[in-house]
Amino acid sequence: MRIRNLLSIAMISTVAGLAHGQGTLTLLSDLAGGVVDGRIFNSSGDMSRVVGYATDATGQQASYWDVGTGSLTSLGLGPTGGATQLQGSNEDGTVMVGISSYSSADRRVFRWTQATGMVEMANPGGGFGGRRVQSTEISRDGSTIVHTDLTGPSKAYRYTDSLGYQQLPALSGGWAIVNGVSGDGSVSIGGSNDSRFRAMRWNGLSQQLLSDPVGLTTTYSEAWAITPDAAYTVGHAQTNQGMHAMMWDAAGVGTSLGVLEFNGAKNSVARAVNPDGSVVVGDTNAAGLQFQIAWIHRNGAIVSIAQALAQTGYSFDPTMRFISARGVSDDGLTITGTALLANGDFVPYIVTLPTPSAAMVMGAGLFAVSRRRR
């Protein structure tokens, strides 16, 4: 394993009355050598570690960063020298899951602990390899791992040591995708297709469709993240009025969180949510990464991460862009994702926002994005 320290920049708030305290930004390091390309895909439940990949001259390597110190730990390349990446973590970062690439048609799930290192997981039918795994995630308690296999019709699986693999049932269209799992592993979320692709949660192996936003014509929806107690699920719905970030309650009733329009695009996807559902983060994609922007939804308003920092009085280089937000702390004040620098470097970031003041909360209410409920 390789460890490297962080490069951090503290941002100072100068506007009084907007927030209690100061916003901060920490830019995390990449591995030495090769292009600068570090990405964050997720975080541990307690936000002590963020996970993704870092890059050196040999390629992309599954990596995690300690939030407190900023130190980077690389887990290395795969057994045949292929790229690896971490995609999920349990509560405290002691158990993580990721994907190891043997070829474009052979991507395998691994589980990591400090004691075992990266251990490749067998296929649902036994043996190893020959499948094209797209994504994987682990519950906060570490008991349940979910993943999507794109080999043939896409299939969604959940795994526990006691039960082994269980395929999550698809709708009549025959394929399904799983993107997240509740804290105890009992509820999985993603989507499946019949006449179109629909956001779904599985309570154990029982299907539950998530509703479309009322008043809009929806052609596609998908769930991306779920709170630990399974009370809230977030994702997106493609509608006749753009791609809306969505939140669903435990009964499957959906609420549009709105759209952050950027460069003329109305494509907002919710990627993570804090436990009480009060803060949601995600991104808007206009046309490729150079036009992607990360956002936060709280107090009824959806604003860019850059704007949220600016509201604390912080000014920054406008050529740096926050392009993704993939993790949020339990208190909703720490957000993590990936930034794109003007020179083309991809750099993981951690943004910490101060507790909103009463003035900020009232202001957000005045400019809140309209929400539709069904």
Protein backbone atom coordinates (compact mmCIF):
# COMPACT_ATOMS: atom_id res chain seq x y z
CA MET A 1 0.00 0.00 0.00
CA ARG A 2 1.16 3.52 -0.76
CA ILE A 3 0.46 6.54 1.45
CA ARG A 4 0.81 10.18 0.53
CA ASN A 5 -0.13 13.38 2.36
CA LEU A 6 -2.69 15.95 1.27
CA LEU A 7 -2.57 19.38 -0.26
CA SER A 8 -5.18 21.49 1.51
CA ILE A 9 -6.48 25.00 1.12
CA ALA A 10 -8.50 26.61 3.90
CA MET A 11 -11.14 29.03 2.76
CA ILE A 12 -11.90 32.03 4.95
CA SER A 13 -15.40 33.46 5.29
CA THR A 14 -15.53 37.26 5.39
CA VAL A 15 -19.24 38.02 5.21
CA ALA A 16 -20.85 38.34 8.62
CA GLY A 17 -24.39 37.24 9.26
CA LEU A 18 -24.61 34.63 6.48
CA ALA A 19 -23.37 31.65 8.47
CA HIS A 20 -21.99 30.62 11.83
CA GLY A 21 -18.27 30.11 11.19
CA GLN A 22 -16.24 29.66 8.02
CA GLY A 23 -16.49 27.39 5.01
CA THR A 24 -13.45 25.26 4.16
CA LEU A 25 -12.18 23.42 1.11
CA THR A 26 -9.59 20.64 1.15
CA LEU A 27 -8.08 19.40 -2.11
CA LEU A 28 -6.74 15.87 -1.69
CA SER A 29 -3.60 14.47 -3.27
CA ASP A 30 -3.11 12.01 -6.09
CA LEU A 31 -0.35 9.42 -6.46
CA ALA A 32 3.00 10.61 -7.80
CA GLY A 33 3.72 10.11 -11.50
CA GLY A 34 1.47 10.04 -14.53
CA VAL A 35 -1.60 12.20 -15.02
CA VAL A 36 -3.32 13.78 -12.03
CA ASP A 37 -6.60 11.88 -11.88
CA GLY A 38 -8.16 11.24 -8.46
CA ARG A 39 -11.88 10.56 -8.11
CA ILE A 40 -14.20 10.07 -5.15
CA PHE A 41 -17.22 7.77 -5.50
CA ASN A 42 -18.39 7.35 -1.91
CA SER A 43 -17.59 7.80 1.77
CA SER A 44 -17.74 5.80 4.97
CA GLY A 45 -20.90 6.31 7.00
CA ASP A 46 -19.11 8.38 9.62
CA MET A 47 -17.27 10.40 6.92
CA SER A 48 -13.89 9.41 8.37
CA ARG A 49 -12.78 8.05 4.97
CA VAL A 50 -13.65 8.80 1.36
CA VAL A 51 -13.13 6.19 -1.35
CA GLY A 52 -12.48 6.06 -5.08
CA TYR A 53 -9.29 5.82 -7.08
CA ALA A 54 -5.96 7.61 -7.49
CA THR A 55 -3.63 7.39 -10.48
CA ASP A 56 0.08 7.06 -11.12
CA ALA A 57 2.08 6.08 -14.21
CA THR A 58 0.88 2.46 -13.92
CA GLY A 59 -2.83 3.30 -13.91
CA GLN A 60 -5.88 3.76 -11.70
CA GLN A 61 -5.64 2.24 -8.24
CA ALA A 62 -8.37 1.71 -5.63
CA SER A 63 -7.66 4.25 -2.92
CA TYR A 64 -9.06 5.89 0.18
CA TRP A 65 -8.32 9.17 1.92
CA ASP A 66 -8.54 9.78 5.66
CA VAL A 67 -10.68 12.88 6.10
CA GLY A 68 -9.04 13.95 9.35
CA THR A 69 -5.44 13.88 8.07
CA GLY A 70 -5.92 13.90 4.30
CA SER A 71 -3.52 10.96 3.91
CA LEU A 72 -3.96 8.82 0.80
CA THR A 73 -3.72 5.03 0.86
CA SER A 74 -3.58 3.11 -2.41
CA LEU A 75 -4.63 -0.55 -2.47
CA GLY A 76 -2.72 -1.08 -5.69
CA LEU A 77 -3.57 -2.55 -9.07
CA GLY A 78 -5.46 -5.79 -9.64
CA PRO A 79 -3.88 -9.27 -9.76
CA THR A 80 -3.10 -8.95 -13.48
CA GLY A 81 -2.09 -5.29 -13.31
CA GLY A 82 -5.51 -3.94 -14.25
CA ALA A 83 -7.24 -0.84 -12.93
CA THR A 84 -9.06 -0.97 -9.60
CA GLN A 85 -11.44 1.36 -7.80
CA LEU A 86 -13.24 1.52 -4.46
CA GLN A 87 -16.98 2.20 -4.64
CA GLY A 88 -18.38 1.61 -1.16
CA SER A 89 -17.55 1.53 2.55
CA ASN A 90 -19.12 0.41 5.80
CA GLU A 91 -19.71 2.80 8.72
CA ASP A 92 -16.08 3.38 9.77
CA GLY A 93 -14.10 2.47 6.65
CA THR A 94 -12.85 -0.88 7.96
CA VAL A 95 -14.65 -2.87 5.25
CA MET A 96 -14.76 -1.61 1.66
CA VAL A 97 -15.85 -2.94 -1.71
CA GLY A 98 -14.71 -2.17 -5.21
CA ILE A 99 -14.10 -3.41 -8.74
CA SER A 100 -10.99 -4.91 -10.30
CA SER A 101 -10.70 -4.82 -14.11
CA TYR A 102 -9.16 -7.76 -15.93
CA SER A 103 -10.48 -6.57 -19.31
CA SER A 104 -13.39 -4.50 -20.64
CA ALA A 105 -15.55 -7.64 -20.46
CA ASP A 106 -14.18 -8.95 -17.15
CA ARG A 107 -14.73 -6.70 -14.13
CA ARG A 108 -14.87 -8.35 -10.70
CA VAL A 109 -16.07 -7.37 -7.22
CA PHE A 110 -13.59 -7.42 -4.35
CA ARG A 111 -13.96 -6.89 -0.61
CA TRP A 112 -11.17 -5.22 1.37
CA THR A 113 -10.26 -5.21 5.04
CA GLN A 114 -6.98 -4.20 6.67
CA ALA A 115 -6.37 -7.81 7.67
CA THR A 116 -7.19 -9.50 4.35
CA GLY A 117 -6.40 -6.88 1.73
CA MET A 118 -8.35 -7.09 -1.54
CA VAL A 119 -10.18 -10.42 -1.77
CA GLU A 120 -11.99 -11.19 -5.00
CA MET A 121 -15.56 -12.41 -4.56
CA ALA A 122 -16.76 -15.48 -6.45
CA ASN A 123 -19.52 -15.27 -9.06
CA PRO A 124 -23.13 -15.96 -8.03
CA GLY A 125 -22.97 -19.29 -9.86
CA GLY A 126 -19.49 -20.14 -8.62
CA GLY A 127 -16.09 -19.63 -10.17
CA PHE A 128 -14.44 -16.30 -10.94
CA GLY A 129 -14.44 -13.83 -13.79
CA GLY A 130 -16.23 -13.58 -17.09
CA ARG A 131 -18.71 -10.96 -15.87
CA ARG A 132 -18.92 -7.21 -16.49
CA VAL A 133 -19.70 -5.73 -13.07
CA GLN A 134 -20.74 -2.08 -13.24
CA SER A 135 -21.12 -1.02 -9.62
CA THR A 136 -21.00 -2.29 -6.06
CA GLU A 137 -21.95 -0.96 -2.60
CA ILE A 138 -21.91 -2.21 1.01
CA SER A 139 -24.26 -1.56 3.93
CA ARG A 140 -23.13 0.56 6.87
CA ASP A 141 -23.04 -2.49 9.14
CA GLY A 142 -20.91 -4.36 6.59
CA SER A 143 -23.33 -7.29 6.39
CA THR A 144 -24.63 -6.85 2.84
CA ILE A 145 -22.95 -6.20 -0.51
CA VAL A 146 -24.91 -5.34 -3.65
CA HIS A 147 -23.72 -5.19 -7.23
CA THR A 148 -24.90 -4.93 -10.83
CA ASP A 149 -23.73 -7.36 -13.53
CA LEU A 150 -24.09 -6.04 -17.10
CA THR A 151 -23.34 -9.41 -18.71
CA GLY A 152 -26.36 -10.19 -20.91
CA PRO A 153 -29.55 -8.64 -19.50
CA SER A 154 -28.41 -6.51 -16.58
CA LYS A 155 -28.84 -8.33 -13.25
CA ALA A 156 -28.90 -6.98 -9.68
CA TYR A 157 -27.60 -9.02 -6.72
CA ARG A 158 -27.38 -8.78 -2.96
CA TYR A 159 -24.89 -10.86 -0.97
CA THR A 160 -24.48 -11.82 2.69
CA ASP A 161 -22.05 -14.32 4.16
CA SER A 162 -24.95 -16.32 5.61
CA LEU A 163 -27.22 -16.43 2.54
CA GLY A 164 -24.73 -16.04 -0.29
CA TYR A 165 -26.00 -14.36 -3.46
CA GLN A 166 -29.66 -13.52 -4.05
CA GLN A 167 -30.79 -12.05 -7.36
CA LEU A 168 -33.07 -9.05 -6.94
CA PRO A 169 -36.14 -9.70 -9.12
CA ALA A 170 -36.61 -7.60 -12.25
CA LEU A 171 -39.83 -6.31 -13.77
CA SER A 172 -41.25 -7.81 -16.97
CA GLY A 173 -38.53 -6.23 -19.11
CA GLY A 174 -36.08 -8.63 -17.53
CA TRP A 175 -33.20 -6.46 -16.38
CA ALA A 176 -32.38 -4.54 -13.21
CA ILE A 177 -29.72 -2.28 -11.68
CA VAL A 178 -28.88 -1.89 -7.98
CA ASN A 179 -27.08 1.24 -6.76
CA GLY A 180 -27.42 1.34 -2.97
CA VAL A 181 -28.39 -0.46 0.21
CA SER A 182 -29.76 0.56 3.61
CA GLY A 183 -27.67 0.59 6.78
CA ASP A 184 -28.64 -2.94 7.88
CA GLY A 185 -28.76 -4.34 4.33
CA SER A 186 -32.49 -5.10 4.39
CA VAL A 187 -33.46 -2.65 1.61
CA SER A 188 -31.77 -2.24 -1.78
CA ILE A 189 -32.45 0.49 -4.34
CA GLY A 190 -31.91 1.05 -8.06
CA GLY A 191 -34.32 0.34 -10.89
CA SER A 192 -35.81 -2.11 -13.37
CA ASN A 193 -37.70 -2.00 -16.66
CA ASP A 194 -41.08 -2.93 -18.04
CA SER A 195 -42.41 -0.51 -20.66
CA ARG A 196 -39.67 1.87 -19.43
CA PHE A 197 -36.99 1.97 -16.73
CA ARG A 198 -38.43 2.73 -13.28
CA ALA A 199 -36.88 3.61 -9.92
CA MET A 200 -37.32 0.77 -7.45
CA ARG A 201 -36.53 -0.43 -3.97
CA TRP A 202 -36.41 -4.03 -2.87
CA ASN A 203 -37.53 -4.80 0.67
CA GLY A 204 -35.56 -8.00 0.99
CA LEU A 205 -36.54 -9.56 -2.36
CA SER A 206 -39.96 -7.87 -2.61
CA GLN A 207 -40.30 -5.23 -5.33
CA GLN A 208 -41.56 -1.73 -4.57
CA LEU A 209 -41.98 0.78 -7.41
CA LEU A 210 -41.14 4.42 -6.63
CA SER A 211 -43.65 6.94 -7.97
CA ASP A 212 -43.11 9.55 -10.68
CA PRO A 213 -43.25 13.30 -9.90
CA VAL A 214 -46.85 14.51 -10.13
CA GLY A 215 -47.81 16.66 -13.08
CA LEU A 216 -44.83 15.66 -15.23
CA THR A 217 -44.46 13.10 -18.00
CA THR A 218 -41.70 10.74 -16.91
CA THR A 219 -39.80 8.51 -19.34
CA TYR A 220 -37.05 7.18 -17.01
CA SER A 221 -36.32 7.15 -13.29
CA GLU A 222 -33.61 5.60 -11.12
CA ALA A 223 -32.72 5.52 -7.42
CA TRP A 224 -29.11 6.19 -6.40
CA ALA A 225 -28.88 6.39 -2.60
CA ILE A 226 -30.86 5.55 0.53
CA THR A 227 -30.75 6.68 4.15
CA PRO A 228 -29.46 4.17 6.74
CA ASP A 229 -32.97 3.58 8.15
CA ALA A 230 -34.49 3.32 4.64
CA ALA A 231 -36.84 6.24 5.37
CA TYR A 232 -35.70 8.20 2.27
CA THR A 233 -34.38 7.32 -1.16
CA VAL A 234 -32.95 9.79 -3.69
CA GLY A 235 -32.25 9.65 -7.41
CA HIS A 236 -33.66 11.24 -10.56
CA ALA A 237 -36.55 11.24 -13.03
CA GLN A 238 -36.26 12.17 -16.71
CA THR A 239 -39.35 14.25 -17.50
CA ASN A 240 -40.79 16.51 -20.17
CA GLN A 241 -39.36 19.42 -18.15
CA GLY A 242 -35.82 18.11 -17.73
CA MET A 243 -34.16 15.59 -15.43
CA HIS A 244 -35.37 16.27 -11.89
CA ALA A 245 -33.53 15.29 -8.73
CA MET A 246 -35.94 13.17 -6.70
CA MET A 247 -36.65 12.07 -3.13
CA TRP A 248 -38.98 9.20 -2.22
CA ASP A 249 -40.32 8.31 1.21
CA ALA A 250 -40.57 4.77 2.60
CA ALA A 251 -44.00 4.36 0.98
CA GLY A 252 -42.48 5.15 -2.42
CA VAL A 253 -44.13 8.58 -2.74
CA GLY A 254 -41.88 10.86 -4.79
CA THR A 255 -41.07 14.56 -4.47
CA SER A 256 -39.14 16.56 -7.05
CA LEU A 257 -36.23 18.44 -5.50
CA GLY A 258 -36.08 20.56 -8.63
CA VAL A 259 -33.45 21.15 -11.27
CA LEU A 260 -30.26 23.18 -11.18
CA GLU A 261 -30.02 24.50 -14.74
CA PHE A 262 -26.46 24.79 -16.02
CA ASN A 263 -25.24 25.78 -19.50
CA GLY A 264 -28.79 25.37 -20.74
CA ALA A 265 -29.10 21.80 -19.45
CA LYS A 266 -31.73 20.65 -16.97
CA ASN A 267 -30.22 17.33 -15.88
CA SER A 268 -29.94 17.02 -12.10
CA VAL A 269 -29.25 13.69 -10.39
CA ALA A 270 -29.32 13.19 -6.60
CA ARG A 271 -26.36 11.02 -5.55
CA ALA A 272 -26.27 11.04 -1.73
CA VAL A 273 -28.46 11.99 1.25
CA ASN A 274 -27.85 12.47 4.96
CA PRO A 275 -29.72 10.24 7.46
CA ASP A 276 -32.67 12.54 8.19
CA GLY A 277 -33.14 13.51 4.53
CA SER A 278 -32.58 17.22 5.16
CA VAL A 279 -29.54 17.51 2.87
CA VAL A 280 -29.14 15.96 -0.58
CA VAL A 281 -26.15 16.34 -2.92
CA GLY A 282 -25.70 15.50 -6.57
CA ASP A 283 -24.67 16.86 -9.95
CA THR A 284 -25.99 18.38 -13.16
CA ASN A 285 -24.51 17.27 -16.50
CA ALA A 286 -24.78 19.62 -19.47
CA ALA A 287 -22.50 17.88 -22.01
CA GLY A 288 -19.55 15.99 -20.60
CA LEU A 289 -17.43 16.50 -17.50
CA GLN A 290 -16.26 19.96 -18.54
CA PHE A 291 -19.86 21.14 -18.24
CA GLN A 292 -20.83 19.17 -15.13
CA ILE A 293 -21.56 20.94 -11.86
CA ALA A 294 -22.08 19.62 -8.31
CA TRP A 295 -24.93 20.90 -6.13
CA ILE A 296 -26.45 20.73 -2.65
CA HIS A 297 -30.14 20.82 -1.73
CA ARG A 298 -31.04 22.04 1.77
CA ASN A 299 -33.61 24.35 3.33
CA GLY A 300 -35.79 23.90 0.24
CA ALA A 301 -33.21 25.28 -2.22
CA ILE A 302 -30.86 23.67 -4.73
CA VAL A 303 -27.60 25.58 -5.32
CA SER A 304 -24.18 24.71 -6.67
CA ILE A 305 -21.44 23.69 -4.25
CA ALA A 306 -19.53 26.76 -5.42
CA GLN A 307 -22.48 29.01 -4.58
CA ALA A 308 -22.88 27.35 -1.18
CA LEU A 309 -19.25 28.22 -0.44
CA ALA A 310 -19.69 31.74 -1.78
CA GLN A 311 -22.60 32.23 0.62
CA THR A 312 -20.09 31.86 3.46
CA GLY A 313 -18.05 34.72 2.01
CA TYR A 314 -15.46 32.59 0.25
CA SER A 315 -14.27 33.59 -3.23
CA PHE A 316 -12.32 31.12 -5.37
CA ASP A 317 -10.68 30.66 -8.74
CA PRO A 318 -13.62 30.52 -11.18
CA THR A 319 -11.70 28.15 -13.45
CA MET A 320 -11.96 25.38 -10.83
CA ARG A 321 -15.18 23.41 -11.12
CA PHE A 322 -16.84 21.07 -8.63
CA ILE A 323 -18.06 18.40 -11.04
CA SER A 324 -19.47 15.75 -8.69
CA ALA A 325 -20.80 15.35 -5.15
CA ARG A 326 -20.90 11.74 -3.95
CA GLY A 327 -20.96 11.88 -0.15
CA VAL A 328 -22.51 13.95 2.62
CA SER A 329 -21.96 13.74 6.37
CA ASP A 330 -24.69 12.88 8.86
CA ASP A 331 -25.03 16.55 9.87
CA GLY A 332 -25.17 17.62 6.22
CA LEU A 333 -22.24 20.03 6.54
CA THR A 334 -19.43 18.05 4.87
CA ILE A 335 -19.63 17.18 1.17
CA THR A 336 -17.12 15.20 -0.85
CA GLY A 337 -16.62 14.62 -4.55
CA THR A 338 -14.33 15.49 -7.46
CA ALA A 339 -13.18 18.86 -8.80
CA LEU A 340 -11.79 19.67 -12.25
CA LEU A 341 -8.94 22.18 -12.33
CA ALA A 342 -8.19 24.56 -15.19
CA ASN A 343 -5.18 22.49 -16.26
CA GLY A 344 -7.34 19.39 -16.69
CA ASP A 345 -6.41 17.70 -13.40
CA PHE A 346 -9.12 15.77 -11.55
CA VAL A 347 -8.75 16.30 -7.80
CA PRO A 348 -10.83 14.90 -4.90
CA TYR A 349 -12.24 17.56 -2.60
CA ILE A 350 -13.84 17.89 0.82
CA VAL A 351 -16.04 20.93 1.45
CA THR A 352 -17.19 21.78 4.96
CA LEU A 353 -19.98 24.31 5.28
CA PRO A 354 -20.83 26.21 8.46
CA THR A 355 -24.15 25.76 10.19
CA PRO A 356 -26.64 28.03 8.37
CA SER A 357 -27.75 31.08 10.28
CA ALA A 358 -31.40 32.00 10.65
CA ALA A 359 -30.90 34.67 7.97
CA MET A 360 -29.56 32.10 5.51
CA VAL A 361 -32.41 29.69 6.20
CA MET A 362 -35.01 32.42 5.62
CA GLY A 363 -33.23 33.52 2.46
CA ALA A 364 -33.19 30.01 1.12
CA GLY A 365 -36.92 29.80 1.66
CA LEU A 366 -37.47 32.91 -0.48
CA PHE A 367 -35.52 31.46 -3.39
CA ALA A 368 -36.47 27.80 -2.99
CA VAL A 369 -36.89 25.70 -6.08
CA SER A 370 -40.52 24.76 -6.52
CA ARG A 371 -41.26 21.18 -5.47
CA ARG A 372 -43.97 18.88 -6.75
CA ARG A 373 -45.34 16.11 -4.58
CA ARG A 374 -47.31 13.00 -5.30
